[in-house]
PDB file of N, CA and C in Angstrom:
ATOM      1  N   LEU A   1       0.745  -0.914  -0.077  1.00  0.00           N
ATOM      2  CA  LEU A   1       0.109   0.072   0.323  1.00  0.00           C
ATOM      3  C   LEU A   1       0.294   1.715   0.068  1.00  0.00           C
ATOM      4  N   GLN A   2       2.164   1.199   0.382  1.00  0.00           N
ATOM      5  CA  GLN A   2       2.993   1.885   0.698  1.00  0.00           C
ATOM      6  C   GLN A   2       3.257   2.879  -0.548  1.00  0.00           C
ATOM      7  N   ALA A   3       3.608   1.788  -1.152  1.00  0.00           N
ATOM      8  CA  ALA A   3       4.086   2.017  -2.906  1.00  0.00           C
ATOM      9  C   ALA A   3       3.422   2.742  -3.449  1.00  0.00           C
ATOM     10  N   LEU A   4       1.702   2.636  -3.683  1.00  0.00           N
ATOM     11  CA  LEU A   4       0.892   2.365  -3.814  1.00  0.00           C
ATOM     12  C   LEU A   4       0.464   4.503  -3.940  1.00  0.00           C
ATOM     13  N   TYR A   5      -0.032   4.820  -2.304  1.00  0.00           N
ATOM     14  CA  TYR A   5      -0.211   6.162  -1.542  1.00  0.00           C
ATOM     15  C   TYR A   5       1.191   6.822  -1.231  1.00  0.00           C
ATOM     16  N   LYS A   6       1.285   7.466  -1.651  1.00  0.00           N
ATOM     17  CA  LYS A   6       2.511   8.084  -1.689  1.00  0.00           C
ATOM     18  C   LYS A   6       1.585   9.346  -0.549  1.00  0.00           C
ATOM     19  N   GLU A   7       2.144   9.974   0.327  1.00  0.00           N
ATOM     20  CA  GLU A   7       1.996  11.041   1.596  1.00  0.00           C
ATOM     21  C   GLU A   7       2.213  12.655   1.003  1.00  0.00           C
ATOM     22  N   LYS A   8       0.974  12.846   1.119  1.00  0.00           N
ATOM     23  CA  LYS A   8       0.815  14.374   0.524  1.00  0.00           C
ATOM     24  C   LYS A   8      -0.215  15.107   1.770  1.00  0.00           C
ATOM     25  N   GLU A   9       2.008  15.610   2.666  1.00  0.00           N
ATOM     26  CA  GLU A   9       1.626  15.813   3.441  1.00  0.00           C
ATOM     27  C   GLU A   9       0.889  17.106   4.142  1.00  0.00           C
ATOM     28  N   ASP A  10      -0.027  17.274   5.511  1.00  0.00           N
ATOM     29  CA  ASP A  10      -0.560  17.802   5.342  1.00  0.00           C
ATOM     30  C   ASP A  10      -2.136  17.988   5.161  1.00  0.00           C
ATOM     31  N   GLU A  11      -2.053  16.685   4.310  1.00  0.00           N
ATOM     32  CA  GLU A  11      -3.331  16.616   3.392  1.00  0.00           C
ATOM     33  C   GLU A  11      -4.210  15.685   4.490  1.00  0.00           C
ATOM     34  N   VAL A  12      -6.103  16.016   5.226  1.00  0.00           N
ATOM     35  CA  VAL A  12      -7.129  15.480   5.689  1.00  0.00           C
ATOM     36  C   VAL A  12      -7.734  15.543   4.554  1.00  0.00           C
ATOM     37  N   THR A  13      -8.276  13.911   4.216  1.00  0.00           N
ATOM     38  CA  THR A  13      -8.979  13.585   3.774  1.00  0.00           C
ATOM     39  C   THR A  13     -10.577  12.274   5.126  1.00  0.00           C
ATOM     40  N   ALA A  14     -11.350  12.885   4.396  1.00  0.00           N
ATOM     41  CA  ALA A  14     -13.222  12.434   4.997  1.00  0.00           C
ATOM     42  C   ALA A  14     -12.767  10.701   4.650  1.00  0.00           C
ATOM     43  N   LEU A  15     -12.604  10.623   5.850  1.00  0.00           N
ATOM     44  CA  LEU A  15     -12.638   8.583   5.325  1.00  0.00           C
ATOM     45  C   LEU A  15     -14.184   8.304   5.543  1.00  0.00           C
ATOM     46  N   ALA A  16     -14.870   7.232   4.971  1.00  0.00           N
ATOM     47  CA  ALA A  16     -15.448   7.120   4.513  1.00  0.00           C
ATOM     48  C   ALA A  16     -16.703   5.627   5.314  1.00  0.00           C
ATOM     49  N   GLY A  17     -17.934   6.247   5.489  1.00  0.00           N
ATOM     50  CA  GLY A  17     -18.096   5.624   6.681  1.00  0.00           C
ATOM     51  C   GLY A  17     -18.201   4.274   6.998  1.00  0.00           C
ATOM     52  N   ASP A  18     -18.960   3.752   6.775  1.00  0.00           N
ATOM     53  CA  ASP A  18     -18.020   2.164   6.313  1.00  0.00           C
ATOM     54  C   ASP A  18     -16.956   1.766   6.522  1.00  0.00           C
ATOM     55  N   LEU A  19     -16.065   3.165   6.961  1.00  0.00           N
ATOM     56  CA  LEU A  19     -15.000   1.875   7.647  1.00  0.00           C
ATOM     57  C   LEU A  19     -14.332   2.238   9.404  1.00  0.00           C
ATOM     58  N   ILE A  20     -16.107   3.421   9.535  1.00  0.00           N
ATOM     59  CA  ILE A  20     -15.857   3.072  11.597  1.00  0.00           C
ATOM     60  C   ILE A  20     -16.232   1.186  11.598  1.00  0.00           C
ATOM     61  N   ASN A  21     -16.659   0.311  11.153  1.00  0.00           N
ATOM     62  CA  ASN A  21     -15.925  -0.987  10.769  1.00  0.00           C
ATOM     63  C   ASN A  21     -14.587  -1.221  11.475  1.00  0.00           C
ATOM     64  N   ALA A  22     -14.285  -0.831  10.227  1.00  0.00           N
ATOM     65  CA  ALA A  22     -12.985  -1.338  10.721  1.00  0.00           C
ATOM     66  C   ALA A  22     -11.676  -0.456  12.069  1.00  0.00           C
ATOM     67  N   HIS A  23     -11.960   0.979  11.888  1.00  0.00           N
ATOM     68  CA  HIS A  23     -11.885   1.122  13.425  1.00  0.00           C
ATOM     69  C   HIS A  23     -12.293   0.366  14.496  1.00  0.00           C
ATOM     70  N   MET A  24     -13.709   0.354  14.129  1.00  0.00           N
ATOM     71  CA  MET A  24     -14.298  -1.114  15.479  1.00  0.00           C
ATOM     72  C   MET A  24     -13.104  -2.501  15.978  1.00  0.00           C
ATOM     73  N   SER A  25     -13.504  -2.340  14.749  1.00  0.00           N
ATOM     74  CA  SER A  25     -12.733  -4.104  14.176  1.00  0.00           C
ATOM     75  C   SER A  25     -11.097  -4.000  15.608  1.00  0.00           C
ATOM     76  N   LEU A  26     -10.534  -2.915  14.791  1.00  0.00           N
ATOM     77  CA  LEU A  26      -8.805  -2.151  14.766  1.00  0.00           C
ATOM     78  C   LEU A  26      -8.615  -2.513  16.114  1.00  0.00           C
ATOM     79  N   GLU A  27      -9.799  -1.169  16.815  1.00  0.00           N
ATOM     80  CA  GLU A  27      -9.727  -1.272  18.288  1.00  0.00           C
ATOM     81  C   GLU A  27      -9.843  -2.584  19.030  1.00  0.00           C
ATOM     82  N   ASP A  28     -10.603  -3.657  19.040  1.00  0.00           N
ATOM     83  CA  ASP A  28     -11.464  -5.017  19.270  1.00  0.00           C
ATOM     84  C   ASP A  28     -10.009  -5.248  19.432  1.00  0.00           C
ATOM     85  N   ALA A  29      -9.642  -5.490  18.430  1.00  0.00           N
ATOM     86  CA  ALA A  29      -8.543  -6.896  17.891  1.00  0.00           C
ATOM     87  C   ALA A  29      -7.272  -6.202  18.871  1.00  0.00           C
ATOM     88  N   LYS A  30      -6.840  -4.766  18.912  1.00  0.00           N
ATOM     89  CA  LYS A  30      -5.963  -4.063  19.295  1.00  0.00           C
ATOM     90  C   LYS A  30      -6.085  -4.456  21.320  1.00  0.00           C
ATOM     91  N   ARG A  31      -6.739  -4.699  21.864  1.00  0.00           N
ATOM     92  CA  ARG A  31      -7.014  -4.908  23.652  1.00  0.00           C
ATOM     93  C   ARG A  31      -7.223  -6.011  23.071  1.00  0.00           C
ATOM     94  N   ALA A  32      -8.088  -6.917  22.307  1.00  0.00           N
ATOM     95  CA  ALA A  32      -7.398  -8.330  22.649  1.00  0.00           C
ATOM     96  C   ALA A  32      -5.570  -8.919  22.649  1.00  0.00           C
ATOM     97  N   LYS A  33      -4.831  -8.278  22.377  1.00  0.00           N
ATOM     98  CA  LYS A  33      -3.558  -8.162  22.227  1.00  0.00           C
ATOM     99  C   LYS A  33      -3.132  -8.005  22.544  1.00  0.00           C
ATOM    100  N   THR A  34      -3.310  -7.274  23.387  1.00  0.00           N
ATOM    101  CA  THR A  34      -3.130  -6.922  24.394  1.00  0.00           C
ATOM    102  C   THR A  34      -3.239  -7.521  25.623  1.00  0.00           C
ATOM    103  N   GLU A  35      -4.296  -8.921  25.826  1.00  0.00           N
ATOM    104  CA  GLU A  35      -4.729  -8.864  27.093  1.00  0.00           C
ATOM    105  C   GLU A  35      -4.616  -9.900  26.460  1.00  0.00           C
ATOM    106  N   ALA A  36      -4.156 -10.009  25.559  1.00  0.00           N
ATOM    107  CA  ALA A  36      -3.292 -11.920  25.117  1.00  0.00           C
ATOM    108  C   ALA A  36      -1.884 -12.335  25.421  1.00  0.00           C
ATOM    109  N   GLU A  37      -1.403 -10.816  25.161  1.00  0.00           N
ATOM    110  CA  GLU A  37       0.025 -10.441  25.766  1.00  0.00           C
ATOM    111  C   GLU A  37       0.491 -10.561  27.661  1.00  0.00           C
ATOM    112  N   ARG A  38      -0.671 -10.114  28.242  1.00  0.00           N
ATOM    113  CA  ARG A  38      -0.655 -10.812  28.871  1.00  0.00           C
ATOM    114  C   ARG A  38      -0.675 -11.745  29.964  1.00  0.00           C
ATOM    115  N   ALA A  39      -1.782 -11.739  29.395  1.00  0.00           N
ATOM    116  CA  ALA A  39      -1.739 -14.022  29.608  1.00  0.00           C
ATOM    117  C   ALA A  39      -0.468 -14.196  29.829  1.00  0.00           C
ATOM    118  N   ILE A  40      -0.084 -14.650  28.712  1.00  0.00           N
ATOM    119  CA  ILE A  40       1.770 -15.411  27.605  1.00  0.00           C
ATOM    120  C   ILE A  40       2.536 -14.854  29.000  1.00  0.00           C
ATOM    121  N   ARG A  41       2.538 -14.236  29.192  1.00  0.00           N
ATOM    122  CA  ARG A  41       4.261 -13.017  29.747  1.00  0.00           C
ATOM    123  C   ARG A  41       3.364 -13.633  31.335  1.00  0.00           C
ATOM    124  N   GLN A  42       2.071 -14.232  31.428  1.00  0.00           N
ATOM    125  CA  GLN A  42       2.236 -14.326  33.332  1.00  0.00           C
ATOM    126  C   GLN A  42       2.234 -16.006  33.010  1.00  0.00           C
ATOM    127  N   HIS A  43       1.968 -16.529  32.137  1.00  0.00           N
ATOM    128  CA  HIS A  43       1.630 -18.482  31.628  1.00  0.00           C
ATOM    129  C   HIS A  43       3.227 -18.312  31.845  1.00  0.00           C
ATOM    130  N   GLN A  44       3.989 -17.762  30.548  1.00  0.00           N
ATOM    131  CA  GLN A  44       5.385 -17.847  31.211  1.00  0.00           C
ATOM    132  C   GLN A  44       6.346 -17.550  32.072  1.00  0.00           C
ATOM    133  N   ASN A  45       5.574 -17.349  33.132  1.00  0.00           N
ATOM    134  CA  ASN A  45       6.245 -16.259  34.134  1.00  0.00           C
ATOM    135  C   ASN A  45       6.200 -17.715  35.462  1.00  0.00           C
ATOM    136  N   ALA A  46       5.149 -17.884  35.493  1.00  0.00           N
ATOM    137  CA  ALA A  46       4.741 -19.037  35.709  1.00  0.00           C
ATOM    138  C   ALA A  46       5.738 -20.086  35.696  1.00  0.00           C
ATOM    139  N   ILE A  47       5.404 -20.700  34.424  1.00  0.00           N
ATOM    140  CA  ILE A  47       6.775 -21.990  34.390  1.00  0.00           C
ATOM    141  C   ILE A  47       7.733 -21.045  34.621  1.00  0.00           C
ATOM    142  N   CYS A  48       9.368 -20.920  34.107  1.00  0.00           N
ATOM    143  CA  CYS A  48       9.787 -20.272  34.489  1.00  0.00           C
ATOM    144  C   CYS A  48      10.241 -19.983  35.539  1.00  0.00           C
ATOM    145  N   GLU A  49       9.569 -20.065  36.848  1.00  0.00           N
ATOM    146  CA  GLU A  49       9.026 -19.883  38.081  1.00  0.00           C
ATOM    147  C   GLU A  49       9.042 -20.974  39.173  1.00  0.00           C
ATOM    148  N   GLY A  50       8.770 -21.660  38.092  1.00  0.00           N
ATOM    149  CA  GLY A  50       8.839 -23.734  38.337  1.00  0.00           C
ATOM    150  C   GLY A  50       9.700 -23.795  38.372  1.00  0.00           C
ATOM    151  N   ILE A  51      10.446 -23.604  36.574  1.00  0.00           N
ATOM    152  CA  ILE A  51      11.918 -24.541  36.537  1.00  0.00           C
ATOM    153  C   ILE A  51      12.940 -22.885  37.351  1.00  0.00           C
ATOM    154  N   GLY A  52      13.018 -22.827  38.094  1.00  0.00           N
ATOM    155  CA  GLY A  52      13.760 -21.912  39.257  1.00  0.00           C
ATOM    156  C   GLY A  52      15.539 -21.528  38.741  1.00  0.00           C
ATOM    157  N   ASP A  53      16.199 -22.686  39.200  1.00  0.00           N
ATOM    158  CA  ASP A  53      17.883 -22.216  38.118  1.00  0.00           C
ATOM    159  C   ASP A  53      18.176 -23.412  38.124  1.00  0.00           C
ATOM    160  N   ALA A  54      17.315 -24.421  36.982  1.00  0.00           N
ATOM    161  CA  ALA A  54      17.783 -25.421  36.425  1.00  0.00           C
ATOM    162  C   ALA A  54      16.709 -24.916  35.209  1.00  0.00           C
ATOM    163  N   ALA A  55      17.945 -25.649  34.055  1.00  0.00           N
ATOM    164  CA  ALA A  55      17.792 -25.452  32.857  1.00  0.00           C
ATOM    165  C   ALA A  55      16.798 -26.128  32.299  1.00  0.00           C
ATOM    166  N   TYR A  56      15.742 -26.939  32.952  1.00  0.00           N
ATOM    167  CA  TYR A  56      14.829 -28.031  32.393  1.00  0.00           C
ATOM    168  C   TYR A  56      14.046 -28.102  33.144  1.00  0.00           C
ATOM    169  N   GLY A  57      12.640 -27.776  33.023  1.00  0.00           N
ATOM    170  CA  GLY A  57      11.300 -28.200  33.459  1.00  0.00           C
ATOM    171  C   GLY A  57      10.625 -28.932  32.630  1.00  0.00           C
ATOM    172  N   VAL A  58       9.614 -30.418  33.087  1.00  0.00           N
ATOM    173  CA  VAL A  58       9.592 -31.451  32.759  1.00  0.00           C
ATOM    174  C   VAL A  58       8.436 -31.005  33.472  1.00  0.00           C
ATOM    175  N   MET A  59       6.546 -30.794  32.162  1.00  0.00           N
ATOM    176  CA  MET A  59       5.488 -30.822  32.961  1.00  0.00           C
ATOM    177  C   MET A  59       4.429 -32.706  33.251  1.00  0.00           C
ATOM    178  N   PRO A  60       3.866 -32.908  34.068  1.00  0.00           N
ATOM    179  CA  PRO A  60       3.426 -34.338  34.649  1.00  0.00           C
ATOM    180  C   PRO A  60       3.069 -34.977  33.783  1.00  0.00           C
ATOM    181  N   ASP A  61       2.184 -34.069  31.839  1.00  0.00           N
ATOM    182  CA  ASP A  61       2.286 -35.012  30.968  1.00  0.00           C
ATOM    183  C   ASP A  61       3.031 -35.129  30.357  1.00  0.00           C
ATOM    184  N   GLY A  62       4.555 -35.303  30.128  1.00  0.00           N
ATOM    185  CA  GLY A  62       5.948 -35.241  29.766  1.00  0.00           C
ATOM    186  C   GLY A  62       6.337 -34.168  28.629  1.00  0.00           C
ATOM    187  N   THR A  63       5.582 -33.162  29.206  1.00  0.00           N
ATOM    188  CA  THR A  63       5.451 -31.520  28.310  1.00  0.00           C
ATOM    189  C   THR A  63       7.138 -30.817  28.319  1.00  0.00           C
ATOM    190  N   LYS A  64       8.215 -30.159  28.138  1.00  0.00           N
ATOM    191  CA  LYS A  64       9.303 -30.513  27.946  1.00  0.00           C
ATOM    192  C   LYS A  64       9.631 -29.009  28.123  1.00  0.00           C
ATOM    193  N   TYR A  65       9.953 -28.431  28.650  1.00  0.00           N
ATOM    194  CA  TYR A  65      10.066 -26.271  27.888  1.00  0.00           C
ATOM    195  C   TYR A  65      11.645 -26.517  28.898  1.00  0.00           C
ATOM    196  N   SER A  66      12.493 -24.989  28.419  1.00  0.00           N
ATOM    197  CA  SER A  66      13.491 -24.679  28.141  1.00  0.00           C
ATOM    198  C   SER A  66      13.645 -23.525  28.805  1.00  0.00           C
ATOM    199  N   TRP A  67      14.602 -22.798  29.882  1.00  0.00           N
ATOM    200  CA  TRP A  67      15.423 -21.720  30.181  1.00  0.00           C
ATOM    201  C   TRP A  67      16.463 -21.518  30.240  1.00  0.00           C
ATOM    202  N   LYS A  68      16.386 -21.445  29.012  1.00  0.00           N
ATOM    203  CA  LYS A  68      18.783 -21.153  28.923  1.00  0.00           C
ATOM    204  C   LYS A  68      18.943 -19.542  29.231  1.00  0.00           C
ATOM    205  N   THR A  69      20.191 -19.288  29.239  1.00  0.00           N
ATOM    206  CA  THR A  69      20.304 -17.823  28.735  1.00  0.00           C
ATOM    207  C   THR A  69      21.054 -18.044  27.543  1.00  0.00           C
ATOM    208  N   GLN A  70      20.782 -16.702  26.596  1.00  0.00           N
ATOM    209  CA  GLN A  70      21.174 -16.618  25.446  1.00  0.00           C
ATOM    210  C   GLN A  70      21.758 -15.574  25.062  1.00  0.00           C
ATOM    211  N   THR A  71      22.832 -15.651  24.832  1.00  0.00           N
ATOM    212  CA  THR A  71      23.398 -14.537  24.197  1.00  0.00           C
ATOM    213  C   THR A  71      23.011 -13.687  22.703  1.00  0.00           C
ATOM    214  N   ARG A  72      22.966 -12.527  23.026  1.00  0.00           N
ATOM    215  CA  ARG A  72      22.656 -12.397  21.656  1.00  0.00           C
ATOM    216  C   ARG A  72      23.721 -11.662  20.879  1.00  0.00           C
ATOM    217  N   LYS A  73      23.936 -11.717  19.739  1.00  0.00           N
ATOM    218  CA  LYS A  73      25.128 -10.758  18.907  1.00  0.00           C
ATOM    219  C   LYS A  73      24.269  -9.250  18.568  1.00  0.00           C
ATOM    220  N   ALA A  74      25.224  -7.982  18.613  1.00  0.00           N
ATOM    221  CA  ALA A  74      24.690  -7.118  18.561  1.00  0.00           C
ATOM    222  C   ALA A  74      24.616  -6.947  17.335  1.00  0.00           C
ATOM    223  N   TYR A  75      23.940  -6.220  16.340  1.00  0.00           N
ATOM    224  CA  TYR A  75      24.089  -6.156  14.925  1.00  0.00           C
ATOM    225  C   TYR A  75      23.188  -4.417  14.587  1.00  0.00           C
ATOM    226  N   ALA A  76      22.937  -3.719  14.221  1.00  0.00           N
ATOM    227  CA  ALA A  76      22.222  -2.870  12.949  1.00  0.00           C
ATOM    228  C   ALA A  76      21.881  -2.318  12.099  1.00  0.00           C
ATOM    229  N   VAL A  77      20.790  -1.089  12.267  1.00  0.00           N
ATOM    230  CA  VAL A  77      19.560  -0.612  11.162  1.00  0.00           C
ATOM    231  C   VAL A  77      19.740  -0.140  10.376  1.00  0.00           C
ATOM    232  N   GLU A  78      19.536  -0.585   9.904  1.00  0.00           N
ATOM    233  CA  GLU A  78      19.972   0.702   8.807  1.00  0.00           C
ATOM    234  C   GLU A  78      18.511   1.673   8.775  1.00  0.00           C
ATOM    235  N   ALA A  79      18.659   3.358   8.057  1.00  0.00           N
ATOM    236  CA  ALA A  79      17.886   3.617   8.563  1.00  0.00           C
ATOM    237  C   ALA A  79      16.153   3.088   7.280  1.00  0.00           C
ATOM    238  N   SER A  80      15.564   3.642   7.364  1.00  0.00           N
ATOM    239  CA  SER A  80      14.804   3.511   6.378  1.00  0.00           C
ATOM    240  C   SER A  80      13.977   4.778   6.659  1.00  0.00           C
ATOM    241  N   VAL A  81      12.697   4.525   5.807  1.00  0.00           N
ATOM    242  CA  VAL A  81      11.910   5.123   5.428  1.00  0.00           C
ATOM    243  C   VAL A  81      10.398   4.492   4.901  1.00  0.00           C
ATOM    244  N   SER A  82       9.382   5.115   6.085  1.00  0.00           N
ATOM    245  CA  SER A  82       8.004   4.428   5.809  1.00  0.00           C
ATOM    246  C   SER A  82       6.766   5.009   6.709  1.00  0.00           C
ATOM    247  N   ARG A  83       5.850   5.272   6.027  1.00  0.00           N
ATOM    248  CA  ARG A  83       3.997   5.502   6.101  1.00  0.00           C
ATOM    249  C   ARG A  83       4.016   4.828   7.288  1.00  0.00           C
ATOM    250  N   ILE A  84       2.733   4.868   9.398  1.00  0.00           N
ATOM    251  CA  ILE A  84       3.573   3.679   9.781  1.00  0.00           C
ATOM    252  C   ILE A  84       0.779   4.553   9.992  1.00  0.00           C
ATOM    253  N   LEU A  85       0.796   3.507  10.312  1.00  0.00           N
ATOM    254  CA  LEU A  85      -0.675   4.129  10.925  1.00  0.00           C
ATOM    255  C   LEU A  85      -0.887   4.323  11.842  1.00  0.00           C
ATOM    256  N   ARG A  86      -1.342   5.992  12.709  1.00  0.00           N
ATOM    257  CA  ARG A  86      -2.041   5.795  14.496  1.00  0.00           C
ATOM    258  C   ARG A  86      -3.446   6.342  14.472  1.00  0.00           C
ATOM    259  N   LYS A  87      -2.665   6.235  15.087  1.00  0.00           N
ATOM    260  CA  LYS A  87      -4.307   6.917  15.897  1.00  0.00           C
ATOM    261  C   LYS A  87      -4.219   8.365  16.923  1.00  0.00           C
ATOM    262  N   VAL A  88      -4.932   9.306  15.790  1.00  0.00           N
ATOM    263  CA  VAL A  88      -4.121  10.800  16.526  1.00  0.00           C
ATOM    264  C   VAL A  88      -5.709  11.476  17.475  1.00  0.00           C
ATOM    265  N   LYS A  89      -5.411  11.402  19.230  1.00  0.00           N
ATOM    266  CA  LYS A  89      -5.875  11.933  20.174  1.00  0.00           C
ATOM    267  C   LYS A  89      -6.097  13.665  20.022  1.00  0.00           C
TER     268      LYS A  89
END
């Protein structure tokens, strides 16, 4: 879409009325994503706490988790230009 629609700086356009559904669905999806990410962190933390100082933990059903230290190499990100959609308050 960015290749198709170049920004016309400071131009404002009235959005079609049917886009209100897209707006409402977007807001609902963002809320659901936030709640899901919070639940994921909570459950991951519970499992990590159960593993404690060990490298692995095994569930009663045989499911195995690892919680190991990882080293990540540094890297540089090249500059880029793109459009970003944000709701203006």
